[in-house]
Amino acid sequence: MAEKFGSLEEHLEKFIENIRQLGIIVSDFQPSSQAGLNQKLQGLLHDINVPLEVFEYIDQGRNPQLYTKECLERALAKNEQVKGKIDTLKKFKGLLIHKLSKVFPEEMSKYRAIRCEDHLPT
């Protein structure tokens, strides 16, 4: 456990140092420092996948944190849609089973027996 924390601490220290160096390069940016800036950024982001839409937000002068917020809002909206569909299908299933039980009582009795067996713990 101590090894994990030691590795994490070392990783965080390197990350903080890279961010500090990036801050220095950016605050006193010269065209000649572009290569060093690119190298630092690549080293910092080598294992991070950034959606292209984030860069579009930045290019449009928008805050990239809005991208995350809007993604969460879209996910929540989609979740509500799917939940609504699931609820509707459950109601439909219940109504269908009820109606089929009236028309085909023997077959539905067998169906229920099979379904109950499927749900028993093994």
PDB file of N, CA and C in Angstrom:
ATOM      1  N   MET A   1       0.825  -1.180   0.000  1.00  0.00           N
ATOM      2  CA  MET A   1       0.000   0.000   0.000  1.00  0.00           C
ATOM      3  C   MET A   1       0.872   1.247   0.000  1.00  0.00           C
ATOM      4  N   ALA A   2       1.950   1.222   0.766  1.00  0.00           N
ATOM      5  CA  ALA A   2       2.852   2.369   0.834  1.00  0.00           C
ATOM      6  C   ALA A   2       3.512   2.609  -0.517  1.00  0.00           C
ATOM      7  N   GLU A   3       3.781   1.509  -1.262  1.00  0.00           N
ATOM      8  CA  GLU A   3       4.371   1.650  -2.588  1.00  0.00           C
ATOM      9  C   GLU A   3       3.441   2.394  -3.530  1.00  0.00           C
ATOM     10  N   LYS A   4       2.141   2.090  -3.443  1.00  0.00           N
ATOM     11  CA  LYS A   4       1.165   2.773  -4.293  1.00  0.00           C
ATOM     12  C   LYS A   4       1.141   4.263  -3.998  1.00  0.00           C
ATOM     13  N   PHE A   5       1.124   4.599  -2.711  1.00  0.00           N
ATOM     14  CA  PHE A   5       1.101   6.014  -2.334  1.00  0.00           C
ATOM     15  C   PHE A   5       2.405   6.708  -2.700  1.00  0.00           C
ATOM     16  N   GLY A   6       3.511   6.015  -2.572  1.00  0.00           N
ATOM     17  CA  GLY A   6       4.795   6.585  -2.968  1.00  0.00           C
ATOM     18  C   GLY A   6       4.835   6.861  -4.455  1.00  0.00           C
ATOM     19  N   SER A   7       4.340   5.914  -5.234  1.00  0.00           N
ATOM     20  CA  SER A   7       4.281   6.085  -6.685  1.00  0.00           C
ATOM     21  C   SER A   7       3.335   7.223  -7.052  1.00  0.00           C
ATOM     22  N   LEU A   8       2.201   7.277  -6.388  1.00  0.00           N
ATOM     23  CA  LEU A   8       1.238   8.356  -6.632  1.00  0.00           C
ATOM     24  C   LEU A   8       1.837   9.708  -6.278  1.00  0.00           C
ATOM     25  N   GLU A   9       2.506   9.764  -5.149  1.00  0.00           N
ATOM     26  CA  GLU A   9       3.122  11.018  -4.714  1.00  0.00           C
ATOM     27  C   GLU A   9       4.185  11.470  -5.719  1.00  0.00           C
ATOM     28  N   GLU A  10       4.987  10.542  -6.186  1.00  0.00           N
ATOM     29  CA  GLU A  10       6.015  10.870  -7.175  1.00  0.00           C
ATOM     30  C   GLU A  10       5.379  11.362  -8.480  1.00  0.00           C
ATOM     31  N   HIS A  11       4.339  10.681  -8.897  1.00  0.00           N
ATOM     32  CA  HIS A  11       3.627  11.074 -10.122  1.00  0.00           C
ATOM     33  C   HIS A  11       3.039  12.483  -9.971  1.00  0.00           C
ATOM     34  N   LEU A  12       2.430  12.755  -8.833  1.00  0.00           N
ATOM     35  CA  LEU A  12       1.852  14.080  -8.593  1.00  0.00           C
ATOM     36  C   LEU A  12       2.915  15.169  -8.534  1.00  0.00           C
ATOM     37  N   GLU A  13       4.040  14.862  -7.933  1.00  0.00           N
ATOM     38  CA  GLU A  13       5.135  15.845  -7.868  1.00  0.00           C
ATOM     39  C   GLU A  13       5.646  16.180  -9.263  1.00  0.00           C
ATOM     40  N   LYS A  14       5.807  15.153 -10.110  1.00  0.00           N
ATOM     41  CA  LYS A  14       6.244  15.396 -11.486  1.00  0.00           C
ATOM     42  C   LYS A  14       5.201  16.215 -12.247  1.00  0.00           C
ATOM     43  N   PHE A  15       3.948  15.879 -12.036  1.00  0.00           N
ATOM     44  CA  PHE A  15       2.857  16.598 -12.696  1.00  0.00           C
ATOM     45  C   PHE A  15       2.855  18.071 -12.283  1.00  0.00           C
ATOM     46  N   ILE A  16       2.977  18.323 -10.994  1.00  0.00           N
ATOM     47  CA  ILE A  16       2.996  19.698 -10.486  1.00  0.00           C
ATOM     48  C   ILE A  16       4.192  20.463 -11.039  1.00  0.00           C
ATOM     49  N   GLU A  17       5.344  19.814 -11.096  1.00  0.00           N
ATOM     50  CA  GLU A  17       6.531  20.468 -11.642  1.00  0.00           C
ATOM     51  C   GLU A  17       6.338  20.795 -13.126  1.00  0.00           C
ATOM     52  N   ASN A  18       5.773  19.876 -13.879  1.00  0.00           N
ATOM     53  CA  ASN A  18       5.507  20.134 -15.299  1.00  0.00           C
ATOM     54  C   ASN A  18       4.530  21.284 -15.478  1.00  0.00           C
ATOM     55  N   ILE A  19       3.512  21.342 -14.648  1.00  0.00           N
ATOM     56  CA  ILE A  19       2.543  22.444 -14.717  1.00  0.00           C
ATOM     57  C   ILE A  19       3.237  23.764 -14.378  1.00  0.00           C
ATOM     58  N   ARG A  20       4.089  23.749 -13.382  1.00  0.00           N
ATOM     59  CA  ARG A  20       4.827  24.968 -13.006  1.00  0.00           C
ATOM     60  C   ARG A  20       5.684  25.444 -14.173  1.00  0.00           C
ATOM     61  N   GLN A  21       6.398  24.511 -14.806  1.00  0.00           N
ATOM     62  CA  GLN A  21       7.239  24.865 -15.945  1.00  0.00           C
ATOM     63  C   GLN A  21       6.407  25.368 -17.122  1.00  0.00           C
ATOM     64  N   LEU A  22       5.262  24.741 -17.343  1.00  0.00           N
ATOM     65  CA  LEU A  22       4.364  25.220 -18.403  1.00  0.00           C
ATOM     66  C   LEU A  22       3.905  26.649 -18.123  1.00  0.00           C
ATOM     67  N   GLY A  23       3.594  26.920 -16.868  1.00  0.00           N
ATOM     68  CA  GLY A  23       3.184  28.275 -16.486  1.00  0.00           C
ATOM     69  C   GLY A  23       4.262  29.300 -16.788  1.00  0.00           C
ATOM     70  N   ILE A  24       5.502  28.948 -16.520  1.00  0.00           N
ATOM     71  CA  ILE A  24       6.632  29.856 -16.799  1.00  0.00           C
ATOM     72  C   ILE A  24       6.767  30.085 -18.300  1.00  0.00           C
ATOM     73  N   ILE A  25       6.701  29.002 -19.084  1.00  0.00           N
ATOM     74  CA  ILE A  25       6.832  29.117 -20.533  1.00  0.00           C
ATOM     75  C   ILE A  25       5.713  29.976 -21.108  1.00  0.00           C
ATOM     76  N   VAL A  26       4.493  29.742 -20.660  1.00  0.00           N
ATOM     77  CA  VAL A  26       3.338  30.467 -21.190  1.00  0.00           C
ATOM     78  C   VAL A  26       3.354  31.927 -20.754  1.00  0.00           C
ATOM     79  N   SER A  27       3.729  32.190 -19.508  1.00  0.00           N
ATOM     80  CA  SER A  27       3.698  33.571 -19.013  1.00  0.00           C
ATOM     81  C   SER A  27       4.714  34.466 -19.713  1.00  0.00           C
ATOM     82  N   ASP A  28       5.808  33.884 -20.180  1.00  0.00           N
ATOM     83  CA  ASP A  28       6.834  34.662 -20.886  1.00  0.00           C
ATOM     84  C   ASP A  28       7.038  34.046 -22.269  1.00  0.00           C
ATOM     85  N   PHE A  29       5.936  33.852 -22.981  1.00  0.00           N
ATOM     86  CA  PHE A  29       6.002  33.121 -24.252  1.00  0.00           C
ATOM     87  C   PHE A  29       6.744  33.899 -25.326  1.00  0.00           C
ATOM     88  N   GLN A  30       7.634  33.181 -25.966  1.00  0.00           N
ATOM     89  CA  GLN A  30       8.374  33.678 -27.128  1.00  0.00           C
ATOM     90  C   GLN A  30       8.192  32.635 -28.232  1.00  0.00           C
ATOM     91  N   PRO A  31       8.132  33.051 -29.483  1.00  0.00           N
ATOM     92  CA  PRO A  31       7.992  32.063 -30.560  1.00  0.00           C
ATOM     93  C   PRO A  31       9.060  30.972 -30.519  1.00  0.00           C
ATOM     94  N   SER A  32      10.225  31.301 -30.039  1.00  0.00           N
ATOM     95  CA  SER A  32      11.302  30.299 -29.971  1.00  0.00           C
ATOM     96  C   SER A  32      11.031  29.231 -28.902  1.00  0.00           C
ATOM     97  N   SER A  33      10.129  29.518 -27.990  1.00  0.00           N
ATOM     98  CA  SER A  33       9.833  28.540 -26.929  1.00  0.00           C
ATOM     99  C   SER A  33       8.684  27.606 -27.307  1.00  0.00           C
ATOM    100  N   GLN A  34       8.174  27.705 -28.534  1.00  0.00           N
ATOM    101  CA  GLN A  34       7.050  26.862 -28.973  1.00  0.00           C
ATOM    102  C   GLN A  34       7.393  25.374 -28.914  1.00  0.00           C
ATOM    103  N   ALA A  35       8.589  25.015 -29.355  1.00  0.00           N
ATOM    104  CA  ALA A  35       8.986  23.596 -29.348  1.00  0.00           C
ATOM    105  C   ALA A  35       9.009  23.046 -27.919  1.00  0.00           C
ATOM    106  N   GLY A  36       9.556  23.811 -26.983  1.00  0.00           N
ATOM    107  CA  GLY A  36       9.584  23.377 -25.582  1.00  0.00           C
ATOM    108  C   GLY A  36       8.181  23.269 -25.008  1.00  0.00           C
ATOM    109  N   LEU A  37       7.314  24.206 -25.372  1.00  0.00           N
ATOM    110  CA  LEU A  37       5.925  24.171 -24.916  1.00  0.00           C
ATOM    111  C   LEU A  37       5.230  22.923 -25.451  1.00  0.00           C
ATOM    112  N   ASN A  38       5.416  22.656 -26.738  1.00  0.00           N
ATOM    113  CA  ASN A  38       4.807  21.460 -27.336  1.00  0.00           C
ATOM    114  C   ASN A  38       5.288  20.185 -26.659  1.00  0.00           C
ATOM    115  N   GLN A  39       6.580  20.124 -26.378  1.00  0.00           N
ATOM    116  CA  GLN A  39       7.161  18.938 -25.733  1.00  0.00           C
ATOM    117  C   GLN A  39       6.570  18.745 -24.338  1.00  0.00           C
ATOM    118  N   LYS A  40       6.476  19.834 -23.579  1.00  0.00           N
ATOM    119  CA  LYS A  40       5.908  19.747 -22.222  1.00  0.00           C
ATOM    120  C   LYS A  40       4.443  19.315 -22.281  1.00  0.00           C
ATOM    121  N   LEU A  41       3.686  19.885 -23.219  1.00  0.00           N
ATOM    122  CA  LEU A  41       2.269  19.532 -23.347  1.00  0.00           C
ATOM    123  C   LEU A  41       2.099  18.068 -23.739  1.00  0.00           C
ATOM    124  N   GLN A  42       2.904  17.613 -24.671  1.00  0.00           N
ATOM    125  CA  GLN A  42       2.823  16.210 -25.086  1.00  0.00           C
ATOM    126  C   GLN A  42       3.187  15.276 -23.943  1.00  0.00           C
ATOM    127  N   GLY A  43       4.186  15.639 -23.171  1.00  0.00           N
ATOM    128  CA  GLY A  43       4.561  14.827 -22.017  1.00  0.00           C
ATOM    129  C   GLY A  43       3.468  14.799 -20.971  1.00  0.00           C
ATOM    130  N   LEU A  44       2.777  15.908 -20.835  1.00  0.00           N
ATOM    131  CA  LEU A  44       1.720  16.022 -19.840  1.00  0.00           C
ATOM    132  C   LEU A  44       0.457  15.287 -20.280  1.00  0.00           C
ATOM    133  N   LEU A  45       0.170  15.319 -21.578  1.00  0.00           N
ATOM    134  CA  LEU A  45      -1.097  14.776 -22.078  1.00  0.00           C
ATOM    135  C   LEU A  45      -0.927  13.468 -22.827  1.00  0.00           C
ATOM    136  N   HIS A  46       0.220  12.806 -22.688  1.00  0.00           N
ATOM    137  CA  HIS A  46       0.474  11.620 -23.502  1.00  0.00           C
ATOM    138  C   HIS A  46      -0.526  10.504 -23.281  1.00  0.00           C
ATOM    139  N   ASP A  47      -1.079  10.347 -22.111  1.00  0.00           N
ATOM    140  CA  ASP A  47      -2.025   9.259 -21.856  1.00  0.00           C
ATOM    141  C   ASP A  47      -3.434   9.765 -21.565  1.00  0.00           C
ATOM    142  N   ILE A  48      -3.727  10.977 -22.013  1.00  0.00           N
ATOM    143  CA  ILE A  48      -5.046  11.558 -21.786  1.00  0.00           C
ATOM    144  C   ILE A  48      -5.728  11.727 -23.134  1.00  0.00           C
ATOM    145  N   ASN A  49      -6.955  11.224 -23.238  1.00  0.00           N
ATOM    146  CA  ASN A  49      -7.744  11.387 -24.456  1.00  0.00           C
ATOM    147  C   ASN A  49      -8.698  12.553 -24.257  1.00  0.00           C
ATOM    148  N   VAL A  50      -8.575  13.548 -25.101  1.00  0.00           N
ATOM    149  CA  VAL A  50      -9.428  14.727 -25.020  1.00  0.00           C
ATOM    150  C   VAL A  50     -10.356  14.705 -26.229  1.00  0.00           C
ATOM    151  N   PRO A  51     -11.671  14.750 -26.016  1.00  0.00           N
ATOM    152  CA  PRO A  51     -12.599  14.773 -27.155  1.00  0.00           C
ATOM    153  C   PRO A  51     -12.358  16.011 -28.019  1.00  0.00           C
ATOM    154  N   LEU A  52     -12.469  15.826 -29.316  1.00  0.00           N
ATOM    155  CA  LEU A  52     -12.239  16.936 -30.240  1.00  0.00           C
ATOM    156  C   LEU A  52     -13.207  18.098 -29.995  1.00  0.00           C
ATOM    157  N   GLU A  53     -14.394  17.785 -29.486  1.00  0.00           N
ATOM    158  CA  GLU A  53     -15.380  18.835 -29.212  1.00  0.00           C
ATOM    159  C   GLU A  53     -14.853  19.852 -28.202  1.00  0.00           C
ATOM    160  N   VAL A  54     -13.974  19.420 -27.305  1.00  0.00           N
ATOM    161  CA  VAL A  54     -13.396  20.339 -26.317  1.00  0.00           C
ATOM    162  C   VAL A  54     -12.573  21.405 -27.038  1.00  0.00           C
ATOM    163  N   PHE A  55     -11.815  20.993 -28.036  1.00  0.00           N
ATOM    164  CA  PHE A  55     -11.016  21.962 -28.788  1.00  0.00           C
ATOM    165  C   PHE A  55     -11.912  22.916 -29.574  1.00  0.00           C
ATOM    166  N   GLU A  56     -13.050  22.401 -30.054  1.00  0.00           N
ATOM    167  CA  GLU A  56     -14.006  23.273 -30.739  1.00  0.00           C
ATOM    168  C   GLU A  56     -14.545  24.328 -29.774  1.00  0.00           C
ATOM    169  N   TYR A  57     -14.814  23.927 -28.542  1.00  0.00           N
ATOM    170  CA  TYR A  57     -15.264  24.884 -27.521  1.00  0.00           C
ATOM    171  C   TYR A  57     -14.214  25.962 -27.315  1.00  0.00           C
ATOM    172  N   ILE A  58     -12.975  25.533 -27.203  1.00  0.00           N
ATOM    173  CA  ILE A  58     -11.883  26.480 -26.973  1.00  0.00           C
ATOM    174  C   ILE A  58     -11.744  27.414 -28.174  1.00  0.00           C
ATOM    175  N   ASP A  59     -11.813  26.850 -29.385  1.00  0.00           N
ATOM    176  CA  ASP A  59     -11.704  27.668 -30.594  1.00  0.00           C
ATOM    177  C   ASP A  59     -12.830  28.697 -30.687  1.00  0.00           C
ATOM    178  N   GLN A  60     -13.985  28.355 -30.143  1.00  0.00           N
ATOM    179  CA  GLN A  60     -15.130  29.269 -30.158  1.00  0.00           C
ATOM    180  C   GLN A  60     -15.070  30.273 -29.005  1.00  0.00           C
ATOM    181  N   GLY A  61     -14.021  30.189 -28.205  1.00  0.00           N
ATOM    182  CA  GLY A  61     -13.867  31.095 -27.076  1.00  0.00           C
ATOM    183  C   GLY A  61     -14.727  30.714 -25.881  1.00  0.00           C
ATOM    184  N   ARG A  62     -15.187  29.476 -25.867  1.00  0.00           N
ATOM    185  CA  ARG A  62     -16.043  29.001 -24.770  1.00  0.00           C
ATOM    186  C   ARG A  62     -15.186  28.260 -23.741  1.00  0.00           C
ATOM    187  N   ASN A  63     -15.684  28.220 -22.536  1.00  0.00           N
ATOM    188  CA  ASN A  63     -14.999  27.543 -21.446  1.00  0.00           C
ATOM    189  C   ASN A  63     -15.106  26.032 -21.646  1.00  0.00           C
ATOM    190  N   PRO A  64     -13.992  25.305 -21.669  1.00  0.00           N
ATOM    191  CA  PRO A  64     -14.063  23.857 -21.867  1.00  0.00           C
ATOM    192  C   PRO A  64     -14.812  23.133 -20.757  1.00  0.00           C
ATOM    193  N   GLN A  65     -14.936  23.755 -19.600  1.00  0.00           N
ATOM    194  CA  GLN A  65     -15.711  23.116 -18.531  1.00  0.00           C
ATOM    195  C   GLN A  65     -17.201  23.068 -18.891  1.00  0.00           C
ATOM    196  N   LEU A  66     -17.626  23.984 -19.777  1.00  0.00           N
ATOM    197  CA  LEU A  66     -19.014  23.937 -20.242  1.00  0.00           C
ATOM    198  C   LEU A  66     -19.278  22.661 -21.031  1.00  0.00           C
ATOM    199  N   TYR A  67     -18.251  22.169 -21.717  1.00  0.00           N
ATOM    200  CA  TYR A  67     -18.395  20.924 -22.465  1.00  0.00           C
ATOM    201  C   TYR A  67     -18.776  19.793 -21.515  1.00  0.00           C
ATOM    202  N   THR A  68     -18.067  19.696 -20.413  1.00  0.00           N
ATOM    203  CA  THR A  68     -18.353  18.650 -19.427  1.00  0.00           C
ATOM    204  C   THR A  68     -19.761  18.810 -18.879  1.00  0.00           C
ATOM    205  N   LYS A  69     -20.121  20.041 -18.557  1.00  0.00           N
ATOM    206  CA  LYS A  69     -21.456  20.310 -18.022  1.00  0.00           C
ATOM    207  C   LYS A  69     -22.535  19.919 -19.024  1.00  0.00           C
ATOM    208  N   GLU A  70     -22.345  20.302 -20.279  1.00  0.00           N
ATOM    209  CA  GLU A  70     -23.334  19.986 -21.302  1.00  0.00           C
ATOM    210  C   GLU A  70     -23.397  18.490 -21.590  1.00  0.00           C
ATOM    211  N   CYS A  71     -22.258  17.806 -21.529  1.00  0.00           N
ATOM    212  CA  CYS A  71     -22.250  16.347 -21.698  1.00  0.00           C
ATOM    213  C   CYS A  71     -23.053  15.678 -20.586  1.00  0.00           C
ATOM    214  N   LEU A  72     -22.858  16.135 -19.371  1.00  0.00           N
ATOM    215  CA  LEU A  72     -23.612  15.576 -18.241  1.00  0.00           C
ATOM    216  C   LEU A  72     -25.096  15.848 -18.392  1.00  0.00           C
ATOM    217  N   GLU A  73     -25.439  17.066 -18.834  1.00  0.00           N
ATOM    218  CA  GLU A  73     -26.853  17.401 -19.025  1.00  0.00           C
ATOM    219  C   GLU A  73     -27.476  16.526 -20.114  1.00  0.00           C
ATOM    220  N   ARG A  74     -26.736  16.305 -21.218  1.00  0.00           N
ATOM    221  CA  ARG A  74     -27.248  15.430 -22.281  1.00  0.00           C
ATOM    222  C   ARG A  74     -27.404  13.998 -21.783  1.00  0.00           C
ATOM    223  N   ALA A  75     -26.429  13.542 -20.988  1.00  0.00           N
ATOM    224  CA  ALA A  75     -26.503  12.176 -20.449  1.00  0.00           C
ATOM    225  C   ALA A  75     -27.697  12.023 -19.511  1.00  0.00           C
ATOM    226  N   LEU A  76     -27.940  13.033 -18.679  1.00  0.00           N
ATOM    227  CA  LEU A  76     -29.088  12.976 -17.780  1.00  0.00           C
ATOM    228  C   LEU A  76     -30.396  12.972 -18.554  1.00  0.00           C
ATOM    229  N   ALA A  77     -30.481  13.799 -19.603  1.00  0.00           N
ATOM    230  CA  ALA A  77     -31.692  13.842 -20.423  1.00  0.00           C
ATOM    231  C   ALA A  77     -31.923  12.501 -21.114  1.00  0.00           C
ATOM    232  N   LYS A  78     -30.859  11.922 -21.664  1.00  0.00           N
ATOM    233  CA  LYS A  78     -30.976  10.622 -22.326  1.00  0.00           C
ATOM    234  C   LYS A  78     -31.365   9.545 -21.318  1.00  0.00           C
ATOM    235  N   ASN A  79     -30.812   9.628 -20.110  1.00  0.00           N
ATOM    236  CA  ASN A  79     -31.146   8.680 -19.056  1.00  0.00           C
ATOM    237  C   ASN A  79     -32.638   8.752 -18.731  1.00  0.00           C
ATOM    238  N   GLU A  80     -33.183   9.956 -18.661  1.00  0.00           N
ATOM    239  CA  GLU A  80     -34.611  10.133 -18.386  1.00  0.00           C
ATOM    240  C   GLU A  80     -35.447   9.549 -19.518  1.00  0.00           C
ATOM    241  N   GLN A  81     -35.008   9.745 -20.778  1.00  0.00           N
ATOM    242  CA  GLN A  81     -35.734   9.178 -21.912  1.00  0.00           C
ATOM    243  C   GLN A  81     -35.755   7.658 -21.834  1.00  0.00           C
ATOM    244  N   VAL A  82     -34.589   7.076 -21.578  1.00  0.00           N
ATOM    245  CA  VAL A  82     -34.494   5.618 -21.506  1.00  0.00           C
ATOM    246  C   VAL A  82     -35.322   5.087 -20.337  1.00  0.00           C
ATOM    247  N   LYS A  83     -35.267   5.785 -19.210  1.00  0.00           N
ATOM    248  CA  LYS A  83     -36.061   5.372 -18.044  1.00  0.00           C
ATOM    249  C   LYS A  83     -37.544   5.401 -18.376  1.00  0.00           C
ATOM    250  N   GLY A  84     -37.964   6.430 -19.095  1.00  0.00           N
ATOM    251  CA  GLY A  84     -39.362   6.518 -19.513  1.00  0.00           C
ATOM    252  C   GLY A  84     -39.754   5.374 -20.424  1.00  0.00           C
ATOM    253  N   LYS A  85     -38.861   5.015 -21.357  1.00  0.00           N
ATOM    254  CA  LYS A  85     -39.142   3.895 -22.258  1.00  0.00           C
ATOM    255  C   LYS A  85     -39.231   2.580 -21.488  1.00  0.00           C
ATOM    256  N   ILE A  86     -38.323   2.402 -20.529  1.00  0.00           N
ATOM    257  CA  ILE A  86     -38.341   1.175 -19.724  1.00  0.00           C
ATOM    258  C   ILE A  86     -39.642   1.087 -18.928  1.00  0.00           C
ATOM    259  N   ASP A  87     -40.053   2.187 -18.310  1.00  0.00           N
ATOM    260  CA  ASP A  87     -41.303   2.195 -17.554  1.00  0.00           C
ATOM    261  C   ASP A  87     -42.493   1.884 -18.448  1.00  0.00           C
ATOM    262  N   THR A  88     -42.504   2.461 -19.659  1.00  0.00           N
ATOM    263  CA  THR A  88     -43.592   2.211 -20.606  1.00  0.00           C
ATOM    264  C   THR A  88     -43.623   0.748 -21.023  1.00  0.00           C
ATOM    265  N   LEU A  89     -42.449   0.170 -21.286  1.00  0.00           N
ATOM    266  CA  LEU A  89     -42.395  -1.241 -21.673  1.00  0.00           C
ATOM    267  C   LEU A  89     -42.836  -2.158 -20.531  1.00  0.00           C
ATOM    268  N   LYS A  90     -42.496  -1.797 -19.296  1.00  0.00           N
ATOM    269  CA  LYS A  90     -42.939  -2.605 -18.151  1.00  0.00           C
ATOM    270  C   LYS A  90     -44.463  -2.576 -18.028  1.00  0.00           C
ATOM    271  N   LYS A  91     -45.042  -1.385 -18.219  1.00  0.00           N
ATOM    272  CA  LYS A  91     -46.512  -1.274 -18.174  1.00  0.00           C
ATOM    273  C   LYS A  91     -47.142  -2.075 -19.304  1.00  0.00           C
ATOM    274  N   PHE A  92     -46.543  -1.983 -20.499  1.00  0.00           N
ATOM    275  CA  PHE A  92     -47.053  -2.731 -21.638  1.00  0.00           C
ATOM    276  C   PHE A  92     -46.984  -4.231 -21.374  1.00  0.00           C
ATOM    277  N   LYS A  93     -45.874  -4.696 -20.816  1.00  0.00           N
ATOM    278  CA  LYS A  93     -45.715  -6.124 -20.519  1.00  0.00           C
ATOM    279  C   LYS A  93     -46.789  -6.591 -19.542  1.00  0.00           C
ATOM    280  N   GLY A  94     -47.000  -5.791 -18.493  1.00  0.00           N
ATOM    281  CA  GLY A  94     -48.021  -6.159 -17.514  1.00  0.00           C
ATOM    282  C   GLY A  94     -49.408  -6.226 -18.137  1.00  0.00           C
ATOM    283  N   LEU A  95     -49.733  -5.244 -18.971  1.00  0.00           N
ATOM    284  CA  LEU A  95     -51.029  -5.213 -19.638  1.00  0.00           C
ATOM    285  C   LEU A  95     -51.158  -6.380 -20.610  1.00  0.00           C
ATOM    286  N   LEU A  96     -50.091  -6.662 -21.354  1.00  0.00           N
ATOM    287  CA  LEU A  96     -50.102  -7.770 -22.310  1.00  0.00           C
ATOM    288  C   LEU A  96     -50.305  -9.102 -21.590  1.00  0.00           C
ATOM    289  N   ILE A  97     -49.582  -9.316 -20.515  1.00  0.00           N
ATOM    290  CA  ILE A  97     -49.732 -10.567 -19.759  1.00  0.00           C
ATOM    291  C   ILE A  97     -51.147 -10.684 -19.204  1.00  0.00           C
ATOM    292  N   HIS A  98     -51.690  -9.595 -18.716  1.00  0.00           N
ATOM    293  CA  HIS A  98     -53.061  -9.591 -18.176  1.00  0.00           C
ATOM    294  C   HIS A  98     -54.054  -9.971 -19.270  1.00  0.00           C
ATOM    295  N   LYS A  99     -53.959  -9.342 -20.444  1.00  0.00           N
ATOM    296  CA  LYS A  99     -54.890  -9.616 -21.551  1.00  0.00           C
ATOM    297  C   LYS A  99     -54.699 -11.034 -22.084  1.00  0.00           C
ATOM    298  N   LEU A 100     -53.453 -11.474 -22.238  1.00  0.00           N
ATOM    299  CA  LEU A 100     -53.202 -12.828 -22.729  1.00  0.00           C
ATOM    300  C   LEU A 100     -53.704 -13.882 -21.745  1.00  0.00           C
ATOM    301  N   SER A 101     -53.655 -13.575 -20.467  1.00  0.00           N
ATOM    302  CA  SER A 101     -54.135 -14.518 -19.446  1.00  0.00           C
ATOM    303  C   SER A 101     -55.638 -14.744 -19.575  1.00  0.00           C
ATOM    304  N   LYS A 102     -56.345 -13.719 -20.010  1.00  0.00           N
ATOM    305  CA  LYS A 102     -57.801 -13.856 -20.208  1.00  0.00           C
ATOM    306  C   LYS A 102     -58.107 -14.700 -21.438  1.00  0.00           C
ATOM    307  N   VAL A 103     -57.309 -14.519 -22.499  1.00  0.00           N
ATOM    308  CA  VAL A 103     -57.564 -15.218 -23.759  1.00  0.00           C
ATOM    309  C   VAL A 103     -56.965 -16.620 -23.762  1.00  0.00           C
ATOM    310  N   PHE A 104     -55.766 -16.757 -23.211  1.00  0.00           N
ATOM    311  CA  PHE A 104     -55.057 -18.040 -23.196  1.00  0.00           C
ATOM    312  C   PHE A 104     -54.668 -18.405 -21.760  1.00  0.00           C
ATOM    313  N   PRO A 105     -55.632 -18.752 -20.921  1.00  0.00           N
ATOM    314  CA  PRO A 105     -55.309 -18.980 -19.497  1.00  0.00           C
ATOM    315  C   PRO A 105     -54.336 -20.149 -19.267  1.00  0.00           C
ATOM    316  N   GLU A 106     -54.480 -21.234 -19.988  1.00  0.00           N
ATOM    317  CA  GLU A 106     -53.601 -22.387 -19.765  1.00  0.00           C
ATOM    318  C   GLU A 106     -52.165 -22.086 -20.199  1.00  0.00           C
ATOM    319  N   GLU A 107     -52.045 -21.496 -21.391  1.00  0.00           N
ATOM    320  CA  GLU A 107     -50.711 -21.188 -21.913  1.00  0.00           C
ATOM    321  C   GLU A 107     -50.000 -20.173 -21.017  1.00  0.00           C
ATOM    322  N   MET A 108     -50.731 -19.188 -20.539  1.00  0.00           N
ATOM    323  CA  MET A 108     -50.121 -18.174 -19.688  1.00  0.00           C
ATOM    324  C   MET A 108     -49.763 -18.739 -18.321  1.00  0.00           C
ATOM    325  N   SER A 109     -50.523 -19.714 -17.864  1.00  0.00           N
ATOM    326  CA  SER A 109     -50.182 -20.381 -16.609  1.00  0.00           C
ATOM    327  C   SER A 109     -48.852 -21.121 -16.756  1.00  0.00           C
ATOM    328  N   LYS A 110     -48.686 -21.783 -17.898  1.00  0.00           N
ATOM    329  CA  LYS A 110     -47.424 -22.470 -18.171  1.00  0.00           C
ATOM    330  C   LYS A 110     -46.279 -21.446 -18.288  1.00  0.00           C
ATOM    331  N   TYR A 111     -46.565 -20.342 -18.971  1.00  0.00           N
ATOM    332  CA  TYR A 111     -45.547 -19.275 -19.129  1.00  0.00           C
ATOM    333  C   TYR A 111     -45.103 -18.756 -17.768  1.00  0.00           C
ATOM    334  N   ARG A 112     -46.059 -18.488 -16.903  1.00  0.00           N
ATOM    335  CA  ARG A 112     -45.719 -17.982 -15.566  1.00  0.00           C
ATOM    336  C   ARG A 112     -44.900 -19.006 -14.785  1.00  0.00           C
ATOM    337  N   ALA A 113     -45.239 -20.276 -14.924  1.00  0.00           N
ATOM    338  CA  ALA A 113     -44.492 -21.335 -14.224  1.00  0.00           C
ATOM    339  C   ALA A 113     -43.046 -21.360 -14.723  1.00  0.00           C
ATOM    340  N   ILE A 114     -42.878 -21.239 -16.035  1.00  0.00           N
ATOM    341  CA  ILE A 114     -41.521 -21.231 -16.600  1.00  0.00           C
ATOM    342  C   ILE A 114     -40.764 -20.003 -16.126  1.00  0.00           C
ATOM    343  N   ARG A 115     -41.399 -18.850 -16.159  1.00  0.00           N
ATOM    344  CA  ARG A 115     -40.749 -17.600 -15.744  1.00  0.00           C
ATOM    345  C   ARG A 115     -40.366 -17.645 -14.264  1.00  0.00           C
ATOM    346  N   CYS A 116     -41.207 -18.237 -13.443  1.00  0.00           N
ATOM    347  CA  CYS A 116     -40.882 -18.339 -12.007  1.00  0.00           C
ATOM    348  C   CYS A 116     -39.654 -19.225 -11.791  1.00  0.00           C
ATOM    349  N   GLU A 117     -39.554 -20.302 -12.575  1.00  0.00           N
ATOM    350  CA  GLU A 117     -38.392 -21.177 -12.467  1.00  0.00           C
ATOM    351  C   GLU A 117     -37.117 -20.443 -12.879  1.00  0.00           C
ATOM    352  N   ASP A 118     -37.228 -19.566 -13.886  1.00  0.00           N
ATOM    353  CA  ASP A 118     -36.073 -18.814 -14.357  1.00  0.00           C
ATOM    354  C   ASP A 118     -35.550 -17.865 -13.278  1.00  0.00           C
ATOM    355  N   HIS A 119     -36.424 -17.403 -12.411  1.00  0.00           N
ATOM    356  CA  HIS A 119     -36.031 -16.396 -11.416  1.00  0.00           C
ATOM    357  C   HIS A 119     -35.650 -16.984 -10.062  1.00  0.00           C
ATOM    358  N   LEU A 120     -35.754 -18.322  -9.934  1.00  0.00           N
ATOM    359  CA  LEU A 120     -35.372 -18.949  -8.669  1.00  0.00           C
ATOM    360  C   LEU A 120     -33.857 -18.960  -8.539  1.00  0.00           C
ATOM    361  N   PRO A 121     -33.337 -18.717  -7.315  1.00  0.00           N
ATOM    362  CA  PRO A 121     -31.878 -18.795  -7.123  1.00  0.00           C
ATOM    363  C   PRO A 121     -31.410 -20.225  -7.255  1.00  0.00           C
ATOM    364  N   THR A 122     -30.210 -20.387  -7.807  1.00  0.00           N
ATOM    365  CA  THR A 122     -29.673 -21.743  -7.995  1.00  0.00           C
ATOM    366  C   THR A 122     -28.707 -22.108  -6.902  1.00  0.00           C
TER     367      THR A 122
END
